[in-house]
C-alpha atoms as a PDB file:
ATOM      1  CA  MET A   1      -9.123 239.407  64.272  1.00  0.00           C
ATOM      2  CA  ASN A   2     -10.946 236.480  64.939  1.00  0.00           C
ATOM      3  CA  PRO A   3      -8.155 233.582  66.005  1.00  0.00           C
ATOM      4  CA  ALA A   4     -10.274 230.632  64.573  1.00  0.00           C
ATOM      5  CA  VAL A   5     -10.663 232.449  61.219  1.00  0.00           C
ATOM      6  CA  VAL A   6      -7.143 233.542  60.877  1.00  0.00           C
ATOM      7  CA  LEU A   7      -6.214 229.517  61.224  1.00  0.00           C
ATOM      8  CA  PHE A   8      -8.599 228.369  59.083  1.00  0.00           C
ATOM      9  CA  PHE A   9      -7.318 230.702  56.324  1.00  0.00           C
ATOM     10  CA  ALA A  10      -3.356 229.878  57.631  1.00  0.00           C
ATOM     11  CA  SER A  11      -4.332 226.138  57.258  1.00  0.00           C
ATOM     12  CA  ILE A  12      -5.823 226.463  53.676  1.00  0.00           C
ATOM     13  CA  LEU A  13      -2.450 228.183  52.619  1.00  0.00           C
ATOM     14  CA  TRP A  14      -0.525 225.227  53.972  1.00  0.00           C
ATOM     15  CA  GLY A  15      -2.959 222.863  52.203  1.00  0.00           C
ATOM     16  CA  SER A  16      -2.569 224.382  48.746  1.00  0.00           C
ATOM     17  CA  ALA A  17       1.319 225.587  48.977  1.00  0.00           C
ATOM     18  CA  TRP A  18       2.305 223.306  46.733  1.00  0.00           C
ATOM     19  CA  ILE A  19       0.706 225.090  44.157  1.00  0.00           C
ATOM     20  CA  PRO A  20       2.796 228.015  44.035  1.00  0.00           C
ATOM     21  CA  LEU A  21       5.862 226.259  44.411  1.00  0.00           C
ATOM     22  CA  ASN A  22       5.570 223.817  41.439  1.00  0.00           C
ATOM     23  CA  ALA A  23       4.557 227.114  39.449  1.00  0.00           C
ATOM     24  CA  ILE A  24       7.661 228.888  40.485  1.00  0.00           C
ATOM     25  CA  GLN A  25       9.767 225.628  40.093  1.00  0.00           C
ATOM     26  CA  GLU A  26       8.528 225.474  36.637  1.00  0.00           C
ATOM     27  CA  LEU A  27      10.262 228.843  35.810  1.00  0.00           C
ATOM     28  CA  GLY A  28      13.624 226.742  36.399  1.00  0.00           C
ATOM     29  CA  LEU A  29      14.090 227.413  40.074  1.00  0.00           C
ATOM     30  CA  SER A  30      15.305 224.165  41.597  1.00  0.00           C
ATOM     31  CA  HIS A  31      13.318 223.553  44.781  1.00  0.00           C
ATOM     32  CA  SER A  32      16.219 224.012  47.078  1.00  0.00           C
ATOM     33  CA  ARG A  33      17.071 227.280  45.867  1.00  0.00           C
ATOM     34  CA  LEU A  34      13.183 228.437  45.726  1.00  0.00           C
ATOM     35  CA  LEU A  35      12.937 227.494  49.064  1.00  0.00           C
ATOM     36  CA  LEU A  36      16.283 228.971  50.187  1.00  0.00           C
ATOM     37  CA  VAL A  37      15.413 232.519  48.706  1.00  0.00           C
ATOM     38  CA  ALA A  38      11.808 232.264  50.308  1.00  0.00           C
ATOM     39  CA  TYR A  39      12.652 231.298  53.837  1.00  0.00           C
ATOM     40  CA  SER A  40      15.713 234.041  53.837  1.00  0.00           C
ATOM     41  CA  VAL A  41      13.434 236.685  52.875  1.00  0.00           C
ATOM     42  CA  GLY A  42      10.853 235.704  55.473  1.00  0.00           C
ATOM     43  CA  ALA A  43      13.334 235.051  58.454  1.00  0.00           C
ATOM     44  CA  LEU A  44      14.893 238.684  57.503  1.00  0.00           C
ATOM     45  CA  LEU A  45      11.781 240.334  57.501  1.00  0.00           C
ATOM     46  CA  THR A  46      10.832 238.512  61.102  1.00  0.00           C
ATOM     47  CA  TRP A  47      14.075 239.296  62.417  1.00  0.00           C
ATOM     48  CA  LEU A  48      13.396 243.027  61.573  1.00  0.00           C
ATOM     49  CA  LEU A  49      10.341 242.670  63.231  1.00  0.00           C
ATOM     50  CA  VAL A  50      12.248 241.060  66.241  1.00  0.00           C
ATOM     51  CA  TRP A  51      15.087 243.852  66.654  1.00  0.00           C
ATOM     52  CA  GLN A  52      12.485 246.505  66.931  1.00  0.00           C
ATOM     53  CA  ARG A  53      11.093 244.400  70.192  1.00  0.00           C
ATOM     54  CA  ARG A  54      14.586 243.298  71.134  1.00  0.00           C
ATOM     55  CA  ALA A  55      14.107 243.500  74.699  1.00  0.00           C
ATOM     56  CA  LEU A  56      11.282 240.865  74.720  1.00  0.00           C
ATOM     57  CA  LEU A  57      14.326 238.583  72.559  1.00  0.00           C
ATOM     58  CA  VAL A  58      16.861 239.269  75.645  1.00  0.00           C
ATOM     59  CA  GLN A  59      13.879 237.683  77.664  1.00  0.00           C
ATOM     60  CA  ALA A  60      13.121 235.100  75.338  1.00  0.00           C
ATOM     61  CA  VAL A  61      16.806 233.722  75.251  1.00  0.00           C
ATOM     62  CA  ALA A  62      17.192 234.055  78.652  1.00  0.00           C
ATOM     63  CA  GLY A  63      14.219 231.906  79.831  1.00  0.00           C
ATOM     64  CA  TYR A  64      13.940 229.788  77.146  1.00  0.00           C
ATOM     65  CA  ARG A  65      17.322 229.223  75.624  1.00  0.00           C
ATOM     66  CA  ARG A  66      17.124 225.320  75.130  1.00  0.00           C
ATOM     67  CA  GLU A  67      13.643 225.361  73.293  1.00  0.00           C
ATOM     68  CA  LEU A  68      14.614 228.145  70.848  1.00  0.00           C
ATOM     69  CA  LEU A  69      17.453 225.938  69.980  1.00  0.00           C
ATOM     70  CA  GLY A  70      15.296 223.115  69.516  1.00  0.00           C
ATOM     71  CA  ILE A  71      12.908 225.077  67.546  1.00  0.00           C
ATOM     72  CA  LEU A  72      15.804 226.162  65.165  1.00  0.00           C
ATOM     73  CA  LEU A  73      16.499 222.435  64.140  1.00  0.00           C
ATOM     74  CA  PHE A  74      13.070 220.845  64.446  1.00  0.00           C
ATOM     75  CA  GLY A  75      10.962 223.755  62.840  1.00  0.00           C
ATOM     76  CA  GLY A  76      13.900 224.241  60.339  1.00  0.00           C
ATOM     77  CA  VAL A  77      14.080 220.472  59.015  1.00  0.00           C
ATOM     78  CA  ALA A  78       9.893 220.386  59.168  1.00  0.00           C
ATOM     79  CA  ASN A  79       9.631 223.546  56.868  1.00  0.00           C
ATOM     80  CA  VAL A  80      12.323 222.541  54.708  1.00  0.00           C
ATOM     81  CA  SER A  81      11.070 218.449  54.685  1.00  0.00           C
ATOM     82  CA  PHE A  82       7.588 219.478  54.005  1.00  0.00           C
ATOM     83  CA  SER A  83       8.156 221.954  51.424  1.00  0.00           C
ATOM     84  CA  ILE A  84      10.250 219.416  49.273  1.00  0.00           C
ATOM     85  CA  ALA A  85       8.123 216.686  49.887  1.00  0.00           C
ATOM     86  CA  LEU A  86       5.414 218.623  48.436  1.00  0.00           C
ATOM     87  CA  MET A  87       7.372 219.482  45.252  1.00  0.00           C
ATOM     88  CA  GLU A  88       8.808 216.105  44.928  1.00  0.00           C
ATOM     89  CA  GLY A  89       6.148 213.542  45.707  1.00  0.00           C
ATOM     90  CA  ASP A  90       2.073 213.000  45.517  1.00  0.00           C
ATOM     91  CA  VAL A  91       0.821 215.832  47.022  1.00  0.00           C
ATOM     92  CA  VAL A  92      -2.046 213.624  48.890  1.00  0.00           C
ATOM     93  CA  ARG A  93       0.420 210.766  49.770  1.00  0.00           C
ATOM     94  CA  VAL A  94       2.763 213.630  51.541  1.00  0.00           C
ATOM     95  CA  MET A  95       0.005 215.393  53.214  1.00  0.00           C
ATOM     96  CA  VAL A  96      -1.599 212.437  54.719  1.00  0.00           C
ATOM     97  CA  LEU A  97       1.899 210.820  56.066  1.00  0.00           C
ATOM     98  CA  PHE A  98       2.822 214.488  57.582  1.00  0.00           C
ATOM     99  CA  TYR A  99      -0.643 214.280  59.253  1.00  0.00           C
ATOM    100  CA  LEU A 100       0.620 211.135  61.517  1.00  0.00           C
ATOM    101  CA  LEU A 101       1.287 214.704  63.398  1.00  0.00           C
ATOM    102  CA  PRO A 102      -1.372 213.728  66.188  1.00  0.00           C
ATOM    103  CA  VAL A 103       0.583 210.548  66.713  1.00  0.00           C
ATOM    104  CA  TRP A 104       3.879 212.363  67.320  1.00  0.00           C
ATOM    105  CA  SER A 105       2.399 215.303  69.254  1.00  0.00           C
ATOM    106  CA  THR A 106       0.839 212.559  71.626  1.00  0.00           C
ATOM    107  CA  LEU A 107       4.317 210.718  72.207  1.00  0.00           C
ATOM    108  CA  LEU A 108       6.262 213.962  72.437  1.00  0.00           C
ATOM    109  CA  GLY A 109       3.808 215.128  74.658  1.00  0.00           C
ATOM    110  CA  ARG A 110       3.984 211.979  77.107  1.00  0.00           C
ATOM    111  CA  TRP A 111       7.869 211.965  76.821  1.00  0.00           C
ATOM    112  CA  TRP A 112       8.490 216.070  77.320  1.00  0.00           C
ATOM    113  CA  LEU A 113       5.332 217.360  79.028  1.00  0.00           C
ATOM    114  CA  GLY A 114       4.281 214.087  81.229  1.00  0.00           C
ATOM    115  CA  GLU A 115       0.932 214.060  79.339  1.00  0.00           C
ATOM    116  CA  GLN A 116      -1.379 210.963  79.831  1.00  0.00           C
ATOM    117  CA  ILE A 117      -2.369 208.667  76.844  1.00  0.00           C
ATOM    118  CA  ASN A 118      -5.555 207.360  77.703  1.00  0.00           C
ATOM    119  CA  PHE A 119      -7.764 204.312  75.360  1.00  0.00           C
ATOM    120  CA  LEU A 120      -9.016 207.172  72.730  1.00  0.00           C
ATOM    121  CA  LYS A 121      -5.115 208.375  72.155  1.00  0.00           C
ATOM    122  CA  THR A 122      -4.076 204.789  71.765  1.00  0.00           C
ATOM    123  CA  LEU A 123      -7.275 204.105  69.146  1.00  0.00           C
ATOM    124  CA  MET A 124      -6.481 207.409  67.426  1.00  0.00           C
ATOM    125  CA  ILE A 125      -2.746 206.034  67.122  1.00  0.00           C
ATOM    126  CA  ALA A 126      -3.819 202.801  65.895  1.00  0.00           C
ATOM    127  CA  MET A 127      -6.083 204.264  63.082  1.00  0.00           C
ATOM    128  CA  ALA A 128      -3.612 206.490  62.443  1.00  0.00           C
ATOM    129  CA  LEU A 129      -0.748 203.908  61.776  1.00  0.00           C
ATOM    130  CA  LEU A 130      -2.851 201.819  59.833  1.00  0.00           C
ATOM    131  CA  GLY A 131      -4.075 204.735  57.649  1.00  0.00           C
ATOM    132  CA  VAL A 132      -0.471 205.284  56.869  1.00  0.00           C
ATOM    133  CA  ALA A 133       0.347 201.611  55.893  1.00  0.00           C
ATOM    134  CA  LEU A 134      -2.636 201.875  53.633  1.00  0.00           C
ATOM    135  CA  VAL A 135      -1.305 204.953  51.516  1.00  0.00           C
ATOM    136  CA  ALA A 136       2.185 203.767  51.831  1.00  0.00           C
ATOM    137  CA  GLY A 137       0.843 200.716  49.732  1.00  0.00           C
ATOM    138  CA  LEU A 138       0.193 197.772  51.688  1.00  0.00           C
ATOM    139  CA  LYS A 139      -2.382 195.589  50.332  1.00  0.00           C
ATOM    140  CA  PRO A 140      -5.148 194.338  53.327  1.00  0.00           C
ATOM    141  CA  ASP A 141      -4.865 190.597  51.260  1.00  0.00           C
ATOM    142  CA  ASN A 142      -1.210 190.489  51.563  1.00  0.00           C
ATOM    143  CA  LEU A 143       0.961 192.415  53.548  1.00  0.00           C
ATOM    144  CA  THR A 144       4.236 192.022  51.748  1.00  0.00           C
ATOM    145  CA  SER A 145       3.097 193.402  48.403  1.00  0.00           C
ATOM    146  CA  PHE A 146       3.036 196.947  47.422  1.00  0.00           C
ATOM    147  CA  THR A 147       0.906 198.857  44.837  1.00  0.00           C
ATOM    148  CA  SER A 148       2.293 200.472  41.733  1.00  0.00           C
ATOM    149  CA  ALA A 149       3.654 203.761  43.792  1.00  0.00           C
ATOM    150  CA  PRO A 150       6.329 202.406  46.088  1.00  0.00           C
ATOM    151  CA  TRP A 151       7.587 204.404  48.937  1.00  0.00           C
ATOM    152  CA  GLY A 152       9.950 207.346  47.994  1.00  0.00           C
ATOM    153  CA  LEU A 153      11.904 209.558  49.246  1.00  0.00           C
ATOM    154  CA  ALA A 154       8.988 212.218  49.132  1.00  0.00           C
ATOM    155  CA  ASP A 155       7.093 209.870  51.630  1.00  0.00           C
ATOM    156  CA  THR A 156      10.074 209.606  53.913  1.00  0.00           C
ATOM    157  CA  LEU A 157      10.171 213.333  54.152  1.00  0.00           C
ATOM    158  CA  GLY A 158       6.664 213.839  54.594  1.00  0.00           C
ATOM    159  CA  LEU A 159       6.781 211.762  57.510  1.00  0.00           C
ATOM    160  CA  LEU A 160      10.179 213.432  59.100  1.00  0.00           C
ATOM    161  CA  ALA A 161       8.449 216.970  58.383  1.00  0.00           C
ATOM    162  CA  GLY A 162       5.401 215.389  60.691  1.00  0.00           C
ATOM    163  CA  PHE A 163       7.652 214.141  63.610  1.00  0.00           C
ATOM    164  CA  THR A 164       9.820 217.437  63.708  1.00  0.00           C
ATOM    165  CA  TYR A 165       6.671 219.598  63.270  1.00  0.00           C
ATOM    166  CA  ALA A 166       5.439 217.752  66.180  1.00  0.00           C
ATOM    167  CA  ALA A 167       8.040 218.416  68.352  1.00  0.00           C
ATOM    168  CA  ASN A 168       8.301 222.148  67.261  1.00  0.00           C
ATOM    169  CA  ASN A 169       4.758 222.465  68.075  1.00  0.00           C
ATOM    170  CA  VAL A 170       5.526 221.099  71.551  1.00  0.00           C
ATOM    171  CA  LEU A 171       8.617 223.282  71.929  1.00  0.00           C
ATOM    172  CA  PHE A 172       6.316 226.299  70.820  1.00  0.00           C
ATOM    173  CA  ARG A 173       3.956 225.462  74.060  1.00  0.00           C
ATOM    174  CA  ARG A 174       6.612 225.135  76.091  1.00  0.00           C
ATOM    175  CA  ALA A 175       8.244 228.533  75.183  1.00  0.00           C
ATOM    176  CA  GLU A 176       4.560 230.418  75.137  1.00  0.00           C
ATOM    177  CA  ALA A 177       5.778 232.890  77.581  1.00  0.00           C
ATOM    178  CA  ALA A 178       8.315 234.071  74.952  1.00  0.00           C
ATOM    179  CA  ASP A 179       7.686 236.642  72.279  1.00  0.00           C
ATOM    180  CA  LEU A 180       5.870 234.701  69.437  1.00  0.00           C
ATOM    181  CA  PRO A 181       7.796 236.840  66.571  1.00  0.00           C
ATOM    182  CA  THR A 182      11.021 235.361  68.317  1.00  0.00           C
ATOM    183  CA  ARG A 183       9.717 232.289  68.288  1.00  0.00           C
ATOM    184  CA  VAL A 184       8.654 232.136  64.636  1.00  0.00           C
ATOM    185  CA  GLY A 185      11.506 234.094  63.412  1.00  0.00           C
ATOM    186  CA  VAL A 186      13.723 231.263  65.192  1.00  0.00           C
ATOM    187  CA  MET A 187      11.753 228.828  62.900  1.00  0.00           C
ATOM    188  CA  LEU A 188      12.255 230.609  59.924  1.00  0.00           C
ATOM    189  CA  LEU A 189      15.708 231.268  60.495  1.00  0.00           C
ATOM    190  CA  GLY A 190      16.524 227.062  60.784  1.00  0.00           C
ATOM    191  CA  SER A 191      14.591 226.719  57.631  1.00  0.00           C
ATOM    192  CA  ALA A 192      16.784 229.154  55.919  1.00  0.00           C
ATOM    193  CA  LEU A 193      20.098 227.602  57.865  1.00  0.00           C
ATOM    194  CA  SER A 194      18.579 223.695  56.891  1.00  0.00           C
ATOM    195  CA  LEU A 195      18.606 225.024  53.078  1.00  0.00           C
ATOM    196  CA  LEU A 196      21.725 226.549  53.037  1.00  0.00           C
ATOM    197  CA  LEU A 197      23.218 223.239  54.502  1.00  0.00           C
ATOM    198  CA  VAL A 198      21.640 221.272  51.738  1.00  0.00           C
ATOM    199  CA  GLU A 199      23.123 223.533  48.849  1.00  0.00           C
ATOM    200  CA  ILE A 200      26.419 223.313  50.162  1.00  0.00           C
ATOM    201  CA  VAL A 201      26.581 220.183  50.415  1.00  0.00           C
ATOM    202  CA  GLY A 202      24.785 219.164  47.093  1.00  0.00           C
ATOM    203  CA  VAL A 203      26.095 221.956  44.565  1.00  0.00           C
ATOM    204  CA  THR A 204      29.444 222.152  43.451  1.00  0.00           C
ATOM    205  CA  ALA A 205      30.309 226.310  42.787  1.00  0.00           C
ATOM    206  CA  ALA A 206      30.626 225.596  39.003  1.00  0.00           C
ATOM    207  CA  ASP A 207      27.115 224.105  39.100  1.00  0.00           C
ATOM    208  CA  ALA A 208      25.517 226.927  41.357  1.00  0.00           C
ATOM    209  CA  HIS A 209      27.155 229.327  38.990  1.00  0.00           C
ATOM    210  CA  GLY A 210      25.769 227.452  35.965  1.00  0.00           C
ATOM    211  CA  LEU A 211      22.351 227.153  36.970  1.00  0.00           C
ATOM    212  CA  VAL A 212      22.104 230.770  38.676  1.00  0.00           C
ATOM    213  CA  ALA A 213      23.068 232.271  35.017  1.00  0.00           C
ATOM    214  CA  GLN A 214      20.062 230.114  33.483  1.00  0.00           C
ATOM    215  CA  VAL A 215      17.451 231.001  35.955  1.00  0.00           C
ATOM    216  CA  PRO A 216      14.953 233.744  34.709  1.00  0.00           C
ATOM    217  CA  LEU A 217      15.200 236.943  37.033  1.00  0.00           C
ATOM    218  CA  SER A 218      11.206 236.353  37.260  1.00  0.00           C
ATOM    219  CA  ALA A 219      11.826 233.012  38.916  1.00  0.00           C
ATOM    220  CA  TRP A 220      13.978 234.747  41.673  1.00  0.00           C
ATOM    221  CA  LEU A 221      11.550 237.384  42.345  1.00  0.00           C
ATOM    222  CA  PHE A 222       8.417 235.143  42.484  1.00  0.00           C
ATOM    223  CA  ALA A 223      10.297 232.819  44.908  1.00  0.00           C
ATOM    224  CA  ALA A 224      11.230 236.054  47.076  1.00  0.00           C
ATOM    225  CA  LEU A 225       7.216 237.528  46.771  1.00  0.00           C
ATOM    226  CA  TYR A 226       6.484 233.860  47.860  1.00  0.00           C
ATOM    227  CA  GLY A 227       8.498 234.398  51.123  1.00  0.00           C
ATOM    228  CA  VAL A 228       6.820 237.936  51.556  1.00  0.00           C
ATOM    229  CA  SER A 229       3.473 237.013  51.320  1.00  0.00           C
ATOM    230  CA  TRP A 230       2.275 233.206  51.505  1.00  0.00           C
ATOM    231  CA  LEU A 231       5.158 232.140  53.723  1.00  0.00           C
ATOM    232  CA  MET A 232       4.926 234.677  56.155  1.00  0.00           C
ATOM    233  CA  LEU A 233       1.024 234.796  55.952  1.00  0.00           C
ATOM    234  CA  MET A 234       0.857 231.351  56.866  1.00  0.00           C
ATOM    235  CA  SER A 235       3.762 230.772  59.264  1.00  0.00           C
ATOM    236  CA  PHE A 236       2.231 233.578  61.419  1.00  0.00           C
ATOM    237  CA  GLY A 237      -1.253 232.709  60.657  1.00  0.00           C
ATOM    238  CA  SER A 238      -0.914 229.250  61.922  1.00  0.00           C
ATOM    239  CA  GLN A 239       1.329 230.091  65.405  1.00  0.00           C
ATOM    240  CA  TRP A 240      -0.840 233.055  66.282  1.00  0.00           C
ATOM    241  CA  GLY A 241      -4.006 231.141  65.852  1.00  0.00           C
ATOM    242  CA  VAL A 242      -3.093 228.009  67.789  1.00  0.00           C
ATOM    243  CA  SER A 243      -1.726 230.136  70.507  1.00  0.00           C
ATOM    244  CA  LYS A 244      -5.008 231.704  71.064  1.00  0.00           C
ATOM    245  CA  LEU A 245      -7.438 228.896  70.783  1.00  0.00           C
ATOM    246  CA  PRO A 246      -7.923 225.957  72.858  1.00  0.00           C
ATOM    247  CA  ALA A 247      -5.713 222.784  71.619  1.00  0.00           C
ATOM    248  CA  SER A 248      -9.073 220.933  70.422  1.00  0.00           C
ATOM    249  CA  ARG A 249     -10.517 223.441  68.315  1.00  0.00           C
ATOM    250  CA  SER A 250      -7.133 224.424  66.473  1.00  0.00           C
ATOM    251  CA  ALA A 251      -6.636 220.667  66.132  1.00  0.00           C
ATOM    252  CA  LEU A 252      -9.957 220.509  64.200  1.00  0.00           C
ATOM    253  CA  ILE A 253      -9.490 223.451  62.427  1.00  0.00           C
ATOM    254  CA  ILE A 254      -5.568 222.836  61.277  1.00  0.00           C
ATOM    255  CA  ILE A 255      -7.416 219.547  59.710  1.00  0.00           C
ATOM    256  CA  MET A 256      -8.157 222.011  56.858  1.00  0.00           C
ATOM    257  CA  GLU A 257      -4.530 221.691  55.247  1.00  0.00           C
ATOM    258  CA  LEU A 258      -5.158 217.977  54.895  1.00  0.00           C
ATOM    259  CA  VAL A 259      -8.973 219.016  53.302  1.00  0.00           C
ATOM    260  CA  THR A 260      -7.382 221.654  51.186  1.00  0.00           C
ATOM    261  CA  ALA A 261      -4.622 219.517  49.624  1.00  0.00           C
ATOM    262  CA  VAL A 262      -6.990 216.545  49.106  1.00  0.00           C
ATOM    263  CA  LEU A 263      -9.160 218.634  46.890  1.00  0.00           C
ATOM    264  CA  SER A 264      -7.030 220.933  45.328  1.00  0.00           C
ATOM    265  CA  ALA A 265      -4.596 218.248  44.104  1.00  0.00           C
ATOM    266  CA  GLU A 266      -7.776 215.786  43.147  1.00  0.00           C
ATOM    267  CA  LEU A 267      -9.052 218.795  40.858  1.00  0.00           C
ATOM    268  CA  LEU A 268      -5.778 219.498  39.576  1.00  0.00           C
ATOM    269  CA  GLY A 269      -4.855 216.078  38.841  1.00  0.00           C
ATOM    270  CA  ALA A 270      -1.750 215.881  41.148  1.00  0.00           C
ATOM    271  CA  SER A 271      -2.835 212.589  43.362  1.00  0.00           C
ATOM    272  CA  ALA A 272      -2.109 209.100  42.346  1.00  0.00           C
ATOM    273  CA  LEU A 273      -4.148 207.170  45.354  1.00  0.00           C
ATOM    274  CA  ASP A 274      -5.925 204.228  44.443  1.00  0.00           C
ATOM    275  CA  LEU A 275      -8.616 202.904  46.644  1.00  0.00           C
ATOM    276  CA  ALA A 276      -6.540 201.722  49.291  1.00  0.00           C
ATOM    277  CA  GLY A 277      -4.655 205.183  49.686  1.00  0.00           C
ATOM    278  CA  TRP A 278      -7.874 206.783  49.670  1.00  0.00           C
ATOM    279  CA  LEU A 279      -9.340 204.464  52.659  1.00  0.00           C
ATOM    280  CA  GLY A 280      -5.948 205.412  54.373  1.00  0.00           C
ATOM    281  CA  CYS A 281      -6.459 208.853  54.064  1.00  0.00           C
ATOM    282  CA  GLY A 282     -10.188 208.528  55.744  1.00  0.00           C
ATOM    283  CA  LEU A 283      -8.483 206.700  58.686  1.00  0.00           C
ATOM    284  CA  ILE A 284      -6.132 209.249  58.945  1.00  0.00           C
ATOM    285  CA  LEU A 285      -8.835 212.148  58.768  1.00  0.00           C
ATOM    286  CA  ALA A 286     -10.781 210.199  61.241  1.00  0.00           C
ATOM    287  CA  ALA A 287      -7.911 209.753  63.829  1.00  0.00           C
ATOM    288  CA  SER A 288      -7.296 213.644  63.276  1.00  0.00           C
ATOM    289  CA  VAL A 289     -10.785 214.439  64.417  1.00  0.00           C
ATOM    290  CA  LEU A 290     -10.669 212.040  67.397  1.00  0.00           C
ATOM    291  CA  ASP A 291      -7.590 213.497  68.795  1.00  0.00           C
ATOM    292  CA  GLY A 292      -9.228 216.934  68.772  1.00  0.00           C
ATOM    293  CA  ARG A 293     -12.158 215.219  70.231  1.00  0.00           C
ATOM    294  CA  THR A 294      -9.552 213.511  73.211  1.00  0.00           C
ATOM    295  CA  ASP A 295      -8.083 216.889  73.748  1.00  0.00           C
ATOM    296  CA  SER A 296     -11.500 218.674  74.273  1.00  0.00           C
ATOM    297  CA  GLY A 297     -12.275 216.078  76.866  1.00  0.00           C
ATOM    298  CA  HIS A 298      -8.966 216.639  78.258  1.00  0.00           C
ATOM    299  CA  SER A 299      -9.564 220.269  78.643  1.00  0.00           C
ATOM    300  CA  GLN A 300     -13.237 219.999  80.125  1.00  0.00           C
ATOM    301  CA  ALA A 301     -11.792 217.886  82.598  1.00  0.00           C
ATOM    302  CA  ALA A 302      -8.923 220.009  83.513  1.00  0.00           C
ATOM    303  CA  VAL A 303     -11.187 222.962  83.906  1.00  0.00           C
ATOM    304  CA  SER A 304     -13.862 221.023  85.961  1.00  0.00           C
END
């Protein structure tokens, strides 16, 4: 398989994940329960694969215990925050805020991996932050004034998802010698555990019994099907593609997540960005492209 093609289609799946999630939610299944079913099924299938290769699991745990614990935490929070934000907020705003990912990756790379931050990286960070300010509703003529779409919980979750996913990616790189199914399995397990915690904290036993009784069986089946198909394809596809491609090339291909989300939300009427918001979206997209080009230059310099 061509890793670039796999990553391209996985990015399209990530960018359009809000469509099946919202469709299943409309059947009566709350977002937390929907995701709990999907990630639990995905984690179970992945760990069945990991168990068949348990010698590699033992090696991974022995050599990368801290990294795997970090993936369990950061990867779990990232997936949960991202998915809930997509269902709760404006799709384009959430995706754009999530795409502060290059900023967090640069800063974490400097902190955890000792990577250098050059002028172009600094410019990328400035462009991305300005883009977020515009998406968040800060008007150029009055920086204390907001548009009709104020900052909400979904926006905070989008930002949190970007930061924790960047941390997850850095840890994936630190543990790149570990078996890929093990790393993905740990990430999916972390997601399922995070969602289980949300359910335990947020719902009483009586509420849970009532809601389960009211939800049609088809909703549970579609949630499980989403976990078996869509979730597994985009999780393994993205991580496998990134692991096989240079950082510069994968960074540019992954931008298809944002492009897909913007186009699909616009076509289906799920976006409410104003002109300033679209300008911010463009700035963050340009910052992501610039980040990919700076990674390319860094890679060429390293080779030479």
